[in-house]
Amino acid sequence: IGSVVDELRTPIELIGVIPNKFDPRRNLDKDILEELGDIFGERVAPVVRETSKIGESPGEGKTIFEYDQKSKGGEDFMQLVEWVVKKVV
């Protein structure tokens, strides 16, 4: 963050940290999420799971909302959008 502030020459505020490509089956992912919570607390955004639909959507030239909004990935991104809106509004 410090190097970004130096480059932009303007103060910035960290709104949050977005855990993405999260797989709840991987112990490492769970450990990292716990560590993020310990460090950033309320600044940790809802996780975005690693899903095939998220991987497929760019190949179709679509966002996850256009490709399959009701998929787990679509739901994760919608929760993230709602979280961000609450933080900035």
PDB file of N, CA and C in Angstrom:
ATOM      1  N   ILE A   1       0.834  -1.187   0.000  1.00  0.00           N
ATOM      2  CA  ILE A   1       0.000   0.000   0.000  1.00  0.00           C
ATOM      3  C   ILE A   1       0.872   1.241   0.000  1.00  0.00           C
ATOM      4  N   GLY A   2       1.937   1.196   0.766  1.00  0.00           N
ATOM      5  CA  GLY A   2       2.837   2.347   0.835  1.00  0.00           C
ATOM      6  C   GLY A   2       3.413   2.711  -0.515  1.00  0.00           C
ATOM      7  N   SER A   3       3.797   1.719  -1.318  1.00  0.00           N
ATOM      8  CA  SER A   3       4.368   2.023  -2.631  1.00  0.00           C
ATOM      9  C   SER A   3       3.322   2.598  -3.574  1.00  0.00           C
ATOM     10  N   VAL A   4       2.074   2.185  -3.432  1.00  0.00           N
ATOM     11  CA  VAL A   4       0.989   2.746  -4.247  1.00  0.00           C
ATOM     12  C   VAL A   4       0.775   4.209  -3.872  1.00  0.00           C
ATOM     13  N   VAL A   5       0.751   4.492  -2.580  1.00  0.00           N
ATOM     14  CA  VAL A   5       0.604   5.881  -2.122  1.00  0.00           C
ATOM     15  C   VAL A   5       1.751   6.730  -2.648  1.00  0.00           C
ATOM     16  N   ASP A   6       2.973   6.205  -2.583  1.00  0.00           N
ATOM     17  CA  ASP A   6       4.127   6.941  -3.093  1.00  0.00           C
ATOM     18  C   ASP A   6       3.990   7.217  -4.586  1.00  0.00           C
ATOM     19  N   GLU A   7       3.541   6.228  -5.335  1.00  0.00           N
ATOM     20  CA  GLU A   7       3.404   6.378  -6.781  1.00  0.00           C
ATOM     21  C   GLU A   7       2.290   7.346  -7.144  1.00  0.00           C
ATOM     22  N   LEU A   8       1.150   7.245  -6.473  1.00  0.00           N
ATOM     23  CA  LEU A   8       0.004   8.107  -6.780  1.00  0.00           C
ATOM     24  C   LEU A   8       0.122   9.489  -6.156  1.00  0.00           C
ATOM     25  N   ARG A   9       0.924   9.556  -5.106  1.00  0.00           N
ATOM     26  CA  ARG A   9       1.100  10.799  -4.358  1.00  0.00           C
ATOM     27  C   ARG A   9      -0.224  11.334  -3.821  1.00  0.00           C
ATOM     28  N   THR A  10      -1.033  10.401  -3.392  1.00  0.00           N
ATOM     29  CA  THR A  10      -2.313  10.754  -2.777  1.00  0.00           C
ATOM     30  C   THR A  10      -2.657   9.674  -1.757  1.00  0.00           C
ATOM     31  N   PRO A  11      -3.266  10.048  -0.664  1.00  0.00           N
ATOM     32  CA  PRO A  11      -3.606   9.030   0.338  1.00  0.00           C
ATOM     33  C   PRO A  11      -4.708   8.098  -0.177  1.00  0.00           C
ATOM     34  N   ILE A  12      -4.598   6.848   0.191  1.00  0.00           N
ATOM     35  CA  ILE A  12      -5.640   5.879  -0.128  1.00  0.00           C
ATOM     36  C   ILE A  12      -6.001   5.127   1.141  1.00  0.00           C
ATOM     37  N   GLU A  13      -7.177   4.549   1.143  1.00  0.00           N
ATOM     38  CA  GLU A  13      -7.631   3.778   2.290  1.00  0.00           C
ATOM     39  C   GLU A  13      -7.946   2.357   1.833  1.00  0.00           C
ATOM     40  N   LEU A  14      -7.466   1.393   2.570  1.00  0.00           N
ATOM     41  CA  LEU A  14      -7.760  -0.004   2.277  1.00  0.00           C
ATOM     42  C   LEU A  14      -9.178  -0.306   2.734  1.00  0.00           C
ATOM     43  N   ILE A  15     -10.047  -0.585   1.782  1.00  0.00           N
ATOM     44  CA  ILE A  15     -11.431  -0.928   2.103  1.00  0.00           C
ATOM     45  C   ILE A  15     -11.530  -2.389   2.500  1.00  0.00           C
ATOM     46  N   GLY A  16     -10.809  -3.228   1.786  1.00  0.00           N
ATOM     47  CA  GLY A  16     -10.908  -4.629   2.105  1.00  0.00           C
ATOM     48  C   GLY A  16      -9.929  -5.491   1.336  1.00  0.00           C
ATOM     49  N   VAL A  17      -9.905  -6.742   1.741  1.00  0.00           N
ATOM     50  CA  VAL A  17      -9.091  -7.771   1.119  1.00  0.00           C
ATOM     51  C   VAL A  17     -10.055  -8.823   0.586  1.00  0.00           C
ATOM     52  N   ILE A  18      -9.888  -9.191  -0.678  1.00  0.00           N
ATOM     53  CA  ILE A  18     -10.811 -10.126  -1.317  1.00  0.00           C
ATOM     54  C   ILE A  18     -10.143 -11.490  -1.464  1.00  0.00           C
ATOM     55  N   PRO A  19     -10.565 -12.454  -0.654  1.00  0.00           N
ATOM     56  CA  PRO A  19     -10.046 -13.807  -0.832  1.00  0.00           C
ATOM     57  C   PRO A  19     -10.727 -14.439  -2.052  1.00  0.00           C
ATOM     58  N   ASN A  20      -9.933 -14.775  -3.066  1.00  0.00           N
ATOM     59  CA  ASN A  20     -10.521 -15.365  -4.268  1.00  0.00           C
ATOM     60  C   ASN A  20      -9.812 -16.661  -4.628  1.00  0.00           C
ATOM     61  N   LYS A  21     -10.380 -17.361  -5.578  1.00  0.00           N
ATOM     62  CA  LYS A  21      -9.899 -18.697  -5.949  1.00  0.00           C
ATOM     63  C   LYS A  21      -9.877 -19.601  -4.719  1.00  0.00           C
ATOM     64  N   PHE A  22     -10.832 -19.381  -3.838  1.00  0.00           N
ATOM     65  CA  PHE A  22     -10.905 -20.103  -2.570  1.00  0.00           C
ATOM     66  C   PHE A  22     -11.532 -21.475  -2.795  1.00  0.00           C
ATOM     67  N   ASP A  23     -10.906 -22.498  -2.234  1.00  0.00           N
ATOM     68  CA  ASP A  23     -11.449 -23.855  -2.287  1.00  0.00           C
ATOM     69  C   ASP A  23     -11.540 -24.367  -0.854  1.00  0.00           C
ATOM     70  N   PRO A  24     -12.756 -24.505  -0.329  1.00  0.00           N
ATOM     71  CA  PRO A  24     -12.913 -24.912   1.069  1.00  0.00           C
ATOM     72  C   PRO A  24     -12.402 -26.324   1.358  1.00  0.00           C
ATOM     73  N   ARG A  25     -12.105 -27.085   0.316  1.00  0.00           N
ATOM     74  CA  ARG A  25     -11.559 -28.436   0.524  1.00  0.00           C
ATOM     75  C   ARG A  25     -10.068 -28.406   0.819  1.00  0.00           C
ATOM     76  N   ARG A  26      -9.412 -27.296   0.490  1.00  0.00           N
ATOM     77  CA  ARG A  26      -7.962 -27.194   0.701  1.00  0.00           C
ATOM     78  C   ARG A  26      -7.676 -26.591   2.068  1.00  0.00           C
ATOM     79  N   ASN A  27      -6.929 -27.317   2.865  1.00  0.00           N
ATOM     80  CA  ASN A  27      -6.562 -26.835   4.197  1.00  0.00           C
ATOM     81  C   ASN A  27      -5.774 -25.538   4.131  1.00  0.00           C
ATOM     82  N   LEU A  28      -4.897 -25.415   3.139  1.00  0.00           N
ATOM     83  CA  LEU A  28      -4.108 -24.195   3.006  1.00  0.00           C
ATOM     84  C   LEU A  28      -5.017 -22.987   2.811  1.00  0.00           C
ATOM     85  N   ASP A  29      -6.047 -23.128   1.980  1.00  0.00           N
ATOM     86  CA  ASP A  29      -6.974 -22.024   1.752  1.00  0.00           C
ATOM     87  C   ASP A  29      -7.674 -21.627   3.052  1.00  0.00           C
ATOM     88  N   LYS A  30      -8.092 -22.619   3.823  1.00  0.00           N
ATOM     89  CA  LYS A  30      -8.759 -22.325   5.102  1.00  0.00           C
ATOM     90  C   LYS A  30      -7.799 -21.643   6.072  1.00  0.00           C
ATOM     91  N   ASP A  31      -6.543 -22.098   6.080  1.00  0.00           N
ATOM     92  CA  ASP A  31      -5.538 -21.481   6.955  1.00  0.00           C
ATOM     93  C   ASP A  31      -5.278 -20.031   6.558  1.00  0.00           C
ATOM     94  N   ILE A  32      -5.178 -19.789   5.262  1.00  0.00           N
ATOM     95  CA  ILE A  32      -4.930 -18.426   4.780  1.00  0.00           C
ATOM     96  C   ILE A  32      -6.111 -17.523   5.109  1.00  0.00           C
ATOM     97  N   LEU A  33      -7.324 -18.023   4.928  1.00  0.00           N
ATOM     98  CA  LEU A  33      -8.508 -17.229   5.249  1.00  0.00           C
ATOM     99  C   LEU A  33      -8.536 -16.870   6.732  1.00  0.00           C
ATOM    100  N   GLU A  34      -8.178 -17.816   7.576  1.00  0.00           N
ATOM    101  CA  GLU A  34      -8.121 -17.545   9.012  1.00  0.00           C
ATOM    102  C   GLU A  34      -7.062 -16.490   9.328  1.00  0.00           C
ATOM    103  N   GLU A  35      -5.904 -16.597   8.676  1.00  0.00           N
ATOM    104  CA  GLU A  35      -4.832 -15.622   8.880  1.00  0.00           C
ATOM    105  C   GLU A  35      -5.261 -14.233   8.412  1.00  0.00           C
ATOM    106  N   LEU A  36      -5.937 -14.162   7.269  1.00  0.00           N
ATOM    107  CA  LEU A  36      -6.454 -12.875   6.791  1.00  0.00           C
ATOM    108  C   LEU A  36      -7.409 -12.273   7.810  1.00  0.00           C
ATOM    109  N   GLY A  37      -8.269 -13.106   8.383  1.00  0.00           N
ATOM    110  CA  GLY A  37      -9.199 -12.632   9.404  1.00  0.00           C
ATOM    111  C   GLY A  37      -8.476 -12.099  10.623  1.00  0.00           C
ATOM    112  N   ASP A  38      -7.409 -12.789  11.025  1.00  0.00           N
ATOM    113  CA  ASP A  38      -6.626 -12.333  12.172  1.00  0.00           C
ATOM    114  C   ASP A  38      -5.970 -10.983  11.906  1.00  0.00           C
ATOM    115  N   ILE A  39      -5.515 -10.782  10.679  1.00  0.00           N
ATOM    116  CA  ILE A  39      -4.787  -9.556  10.342  1.00  0.00           C
ATOM    117  C   ILE A  39      -5.733  -8.408   9.993  1.00  0.00           C
ATOM    118  N   PHE A  40      -6.743  -8.692   9.161  1.00  0.00           N
ATOM    119  CA  PHE A  40      -7.577  -7.625   8.612  1.00  0.00           C
ATOM    120  C   PHE A  40      -8.975  -7.543   9.216  1.00  0.00           C
ATOM    121  N   GLY A  41      -9.376  -8.527   9.990  1.00  0.00           N
ATOM    122  CA  GLY A  41     -10.672  -8.496  10.670  1.00  0.00           C
ATOM    123  C   GLY A  41     -11.842  -8.239   9.741  1.00  0.00           C
ATOM    124  N   GLU A  42     -12.584  -7.163  10.023  1.00  0.00           N
ATOM    125  CA  GLU A  42     -13.790  -6.816   9.259  1.00  0.00           C
ATOM    126  C   GLU A  42     -13.493  -6.396   7.820  1.00  0.00           C
ATOM    127  N   ARG A  43     -12.240  -6.202   7.512  1.00  0.00           N
ATOM    128  CA  ARG A  43     -11.875  -5.799   6.147  1.00  0.00           C
ATOM    129  C   ARG A  43     -11.782  -6.986   5.188  1.00  0.00           C
ATOM    130  N   VAL A  44     -11.974  -8.194   5.694  1.00  0.00           N
ATOM    131  CA  VAL A  44     -11.950  -9.365   4.813  1.00  0.00           C
ATOM    132  C   VAL A  44     -13.321  -9.503   4.162  1.00  0.00           C
ATOM    133  N   ALA A  45     -13.335  -9.425   2.843  1.00  0.00           N
ATOM    134  CA  ALA A  45     -14.570  -9.528   2.068  1.00  0.00           C
ATOM    135  C   ALA A  45     -15.033 -10.980   2.025  1.00  0.00           C
ATOM    136  N   PRO A  46     -16.273 -11.196   1.620  1.00  0.00           N
ATOM    137  CA  PRO A  46     -16.735 -12.572   1.421  1.00  0.00           C
ATOM    138  C   PRO A  46     -15.854 -13.280   0.384  1.00  0.00           C
ATOM    139  N   VAL A  47     -15.628 -14.555   0.585  1.00  0.00           N
ATOM    140  CA  VAL A  47     -14.766 -15.309  -0.334  1.00  0.00           C
ATOM    141  C   VAL A  47     -15.439 -15.493  -1.685  1.00  0.00           C
ATOM    142  N   VAL A  48     -14.590 -15.565  -2.700  1.00  0.00           N
ATOM    143  CA  VAL A  48     -15.030 -15.940  -4.040  1.00  0.00           C
ATOM    144  C   VAL A  48     -14.391 -17.297  -4.321  1.00  0.00           C
ATOM    145  N   ARG A  49     -15.237 -18.311  -4.367  1.00  0.00           N
ATOM    146  CA  ARG A  49     -14.738 -19.666  -4.567  1.00  0.00           C
ATOM    147  C   ARG A  49     -14.218 -19.868  -5.987  1.00  0.00           C
ATOM    148  N   GLU A  50     -13.314 -20.810  -6.120  1.00  0.00           N
ATOM    149  CA  GLU A  50     -12.813 -21.202  -7.426  1.00  0.00           C
ATOM    150  C   GLU A  50     -13.833 -22.162  -8.028  1.00  0.00           C
ATOM    151  N   THR A  51     -14.446 -21.747  -9.124  1.00  0.00           N
ATOM    152  CA  THR A  51     -15.463 -22.590  -9.758  1.00  0.00           C
ATOM    153  C   THR A  51     -15.219 -22.681 -11.255  1.00  0.00           C
ATOM    154  N   SER A  52     -15.739 -23.737 -11.846  1.00  0.00           N
ATOM    155  CA  SER A  52     -15.583 -23.899 -13.292  1.00  0.00           C
ATOM    156  C   SER A  52     -16.330 -22.813 -14.049  1.00  0.00           C
ATOM    157  N   LYS A  53     -17.473 -22.373 -13.547  1.00  0.00           N
ATOM    158  CA  LYS A  53     -18.259 -21.345 -14.241  1.00  0.00           C
ATOM    159  C   LYS A  53     -17.492 -20.030 -14.328  1.00  0.00           C
ATOM    160  N   ILE A  54     -16.785 -19.670 -13.258  1.00  0.00           N
ATOM    161  CA  ILE A  54     -15.970 -18.451 -13.294  1.00  0.00           C
ATOM    162  C   ILE A  54     -14.864 -18.604 -14.338  1.00  0.00           C
ATOM    163  N   GLY A  55     -14.284 -19.780 -14.422  1.00  0.00           N
ATOM    164  CA  GLY A  55     -13.238 -20.030 -15.412  1.00  0.00           C
ATOM    165  C   GLY A  55     -13.745 -20.042 -16.836  1.00  0.00           C
ATOM    166  N   GLU A  56     -14.971 -20.486 -17.038  1.00  0.00           N
ATOM    167  CA  GLU A  56     -15.542 -20.591 -18.381  1.00  0.00           C
ATOM    168  C   GLU A  56     -16.061 -19.260 -18.919  1.00  0.00           C
ATOM    169  N   SER A  57     -16.535 -18.392 -18.039  1.00  0.00           N
ATOM    170  CA  SER A  57     -17.219 -17.174 -18.493  1.00  0.00           C
ATOM    171  C   SER A  57     -16.357 -16.270 -19.387  1.00  0.00           C
ATOM    172  N   PRO A  58     -15.066 -16.035 -19.084  1.00  0.00           N
ATOM    173  CA  PRO A  58     -14.286 -15.172 -19.983  1.00  0.00           C
ATOM    174  C   PRO A  58     -14.137 -15.770 -21.388  1.00  0.00           C
ATOM    175  N   GLY A  59     -14.043 -17.083 -21.473  1.00  0.00           N
ATOM    176  CA  GLY A  59     -13.932 -17.740 -22.770  1.00  0.00           C
ATOM    177  C   GLY A  59     -15.161 -17.541 -23.637  1.00  0.00           C
ATOM    178  N   GLU A  60     -16.280 -17.292 -22.986  1.00  0.00           N
ATOM    179  CA  GLU A  60     -17.522 -17.008 -23.689  1.00  0.00           C
ATOM    180  C   GLU A  60     -17.722 -15.510 -23.904  1.00  0.00           C
ATOM    181  N   GLY A  61     -16.751 -14.715 -23.420  1.00  0.00           N
ATOM    182  CA  GLY A  61     -16.848 -13.265 -23.566  1.00  0.00           C
ATOM    183  C   GLY A  61     -17.928 -12.656 -22.700  1.00  0.00           C
ATOM    184  N   LYS A  62     -18.187 -13.293 -21.555  1.00  0.00           N
ATOM    185  CA  LYS A  62     -19.261 -12.839 -20.678  1.00  0.00           C
ATOM    186  C   LYS A  62     -18.752 -12.701 -19.249  1.00  0.00           C
ATOM    187  N   THR A  63     -19.433 -11.852 -18.497  1.00  0.00           N
ATOM    188  CA  THR A  63     -19.180 -11.799 -17.060  1.00  0.00           C
ATOM    189  C   THR A  63     -19.846 -13.015 -16.422  1.00  0.00           C
ATOM    190  N   ILE A  64     -19.516 -13.296 -15.186  1.00  0.00           N
ATOM    191  CA  ILE A  64     -20.167 -14.412 -14.496  1.00  0.00           C
ATOM    192  C   ILE A  64     -21.666 -14.157 -14.356  1.00  0.00           C
ATOM    193  N   PHE A  65     -22.057 -12.901 -14.280  1.00  0.00           N
ATOM    194  CA  PHE A  65     -23.480 -12.576 -14.161  1.00  0.00           C
ATOM    195  C   PHE A  65     -24.222 -12.865 -15.464  1.00  0.00           C
ATOM    196  N   GLU A  66     -23.567 -12.635 -16.582  1.00  0.00           N
ATOM    197  CA  GLU A  66     -24.179 -12.935 -17.876  1.00  0.00           C
ATOM    198  C   GLU A  66     -24.140 -14.428 -18.174  1.00  0.00           C
ATOM    199  N   TYR A  67     -23.073 -15.079 -17.738  1.00  0.00           N
ATOM    200  CA  TYR A  67     -22.855 -16.486 -18.066  1.00  0.00           C
ATOM    201  C   TYR A  67     -23.719 -17.425 -17.216  1.00  0.00           C
ATOM    202  N   ASP A  68     -23.671 -17.239 -15.910  1.00  0.00           N
ATOM    203  CA  ASP A  68     -24.467 -18.088 -15.013  1.00  0.00           C
ATOM    204  C   ASP A  68     -24.544 -17.439 -13.641  1.00  0.00           C
ATOM    205  N   GLN A  69     -25.429 -16.472 -13.522  1.00  0.00           N
ATOM    206  CA  GLN A  69     -25.558 -15.688 -12.290  1.00  0.00           C
ATOM    207  C   GLN A  69     -25.936 -16.553 -11.092  1.00  0.00           C
ATOM    208  N   LYS A  70     -26.637 -17.643 -11.331  1.00  0.00           N
ATOM    209  CA  LYS A  70     -27.107 -18.470 -10.216  1.00  0.00           C
ATOM    210  C   LYS A  70     -26.099 -19.540  -9.801  1.00  0.00           C
ATOM    211  N   SER A  71     -24.942 -19.554 -10.445  1.00  0.00           N
ATOM    212  CA  SER A  71     -23.895 -20.500 -10.061  1.00  0.00           C
ATOM    213  C   SER A  71     -23.289 -20.078  -8.725  1.00  0.00           C
ATOM    214  N   LYS A  72     -22.517 -20.974  -8.124  1.00  0.00           N
ATOM    215  CA  LYS A  72     -21.845 -20.630  -6.867  1.00  0.00           C
ATOM    216  C   LYS A  72     -20.948 -19.415  -7.054  1.00  0.00           C
ATOM    217  N   GLY A  73     -20.239 -19.370  -8.171  1.00  0.00           N
ATOM    218  CA  GLY A  73     -19.372 -18.227  -8.445  1.00  0.00           C
ATOM    219  C   GLY A  73     -20.160 -16.942  -8.625  1.00  0.00           C
ATOM    220  N   GLY A  74     -21.287 -17.033  -9.313  1.00  0.00           N
ATOM    221  CA  GLY A  74     -22.146 -15.865  -9.489  1.00  0.00           C
ATOM    222  C   GLY A  74     -22.674 -15.360  -8.162  1.00  0.00           C
ATOM    223  N   GLU A  75     -23.083 -16.294  -7.316  1.00  0.00           N
ATOM    224  CA  GLU A  75     -23.571 -15.919  -5.984  1.00  0.00           C
ATOM    225  C   GLU A  75     -22.457 -15.288  -5.154  1.00  0.00           C
ATOM    226  N   ASP A  76     -21.246 -15.853  -5.247  1.00  0.00           N
ATOM    227  CA  ASP A  76     -20.109 -15.298  -4.502  1.00  0.00           C
ATOM    228  C   ASP A  76     -19.828 -13.862  -4.933  1.00  0.00           C
ATOM    229  N   PHE A  77     -19.819 -13.633  -6.242  1.00  0.00           N
ATOM    230  CA  PHE A  77     -19.547 -12.279  -6.731  1.00  0.00           C
ATOM    231  C   PHE A  77     -20.665 -11.317  -6.356  1.00  0.00           C
ATOM    232  N   MET A  78     -21.902 -11.784  -6.327  1.00  0.00           N
ATOM    233  CA  MET A  78     -23.004 -10.909  -5.925  1.00  0.00           C
ATOM    234  C   MET A  78     -22.849 -10.522  -4.452  1.00  0.00           C
ATOM    235  N   GLN A  79     -22.466 -11.469  -3.604  1.00  0.00           N
ATOM    236  CA  GLN A  79     -22.220 -11.149  -2.197  1.00  0.00           C
ATOM    237  C   GLN A  79     -21.076 -10.151  -2.067  1.00  0.00           C
ATOM    238  N   LEU A  80     -20.060 -10.316  -2.894  1.00  0.00           N
ATOM    239  CA  LEU A  80     -18.931  -9.386  -2.870  1.00  0.00           C
ATOM    240  C   LEU A  80     -19.380  -7.985  -3.287  1.00  0.00           C
ATOM    241  N   VAL A  81     -20.171  -7.894  -4.340  1.00  0.00           N
ATOM    242  CA  VAL A  81     -20.679  -6.591  -4.795  1.00  0.00           C
ATOM    243  C   VAL A  81     -21.477  -5.924  -3.677  1.00  0.00           C
ATOM    244  N   GLU A  82     -22.358  -6.671  -3.036  1.00  0.00           N
ATOM    245  CA  GLU A  82     -23.170  -6.106  -1.949  1.00  0.00           C
ATOM    246  C   GLU A  82     -22.277  -5.645  -0.801  1.00  0.00           C
ATOM    247  N   TRP A  83     -21.249  -6.399  -0.486  1.00  0.00           N
ATOM    248  CA  TRP A  83     -20.318  -6.047   0.582  1.00  0.00           C
ATOM    249  C   TRP A  83     -19.578  -4.746   0.254  1.00  0.00           C
ATOM    250  N   VAL A  84     -19.092  -4.647  -0.992  1.00  0.00           N
ATOM    251  CA  VAL A  84     -18.373  -3.441  -1.412  1.00  0.00           C
ATOM    252  C   VAL A  84     -19.295  -2.227  -1.361  1.00  0.00           C
ATOM    253  N   VAL A  85     -20.514  -2.365  -1.835  1.00  0.00           N
ATOM    254  CA  VAL A  85     -21.450  -1.246  -1.840  1.00  0.00           C
ATOM    255  C   VAL A  85     -21.677  -0.753  -0.417  1.00  0.00           C
ATOM    256  N   LYS A  86     -21.843  -1.664   0.523  1.00  0.00           N
ATOM    257  CA  LYS A  86     -22.036  -1.262   1.925  1.00  0.00           C
ATOM    258  C   LYS A  86     -20.816  -0.519   2.462  1.00  0.00           C
ATOM    259  N   LYS A  87     -19.637  -0.890   1.997  1.00  0.00           N
ATOM    260  CA  LYS A  87     -18.403  -0.256   2.481  1.00  0.00           C
ATOM    261  C   LYS A  87     -18.212   1.140   1.920  1.00  0.00           C
ATOM    262  N   VAL A  88     -18.651   1.384   0.697  1.00  0.00           N
ATOM    263  CA  VAL A  88     -18.344   2.666   0.051  1.00  0.00           C
ATOM    264  C   VAL A  88     -19.497   3.647   0.063  1.00  0.00           C
ATOM    265  N   VAL A  89     -20.690   3.190   0.358  1.00  0.00           N
ATOM    266  CA  VAL A  89     -21.855   4.097   0.352  1.00  0.00           C
ATOM    267  C   VAL A  89     -22.128   4.596   1.745  1.00  0.00           C
TER     268      VAL A  89
END
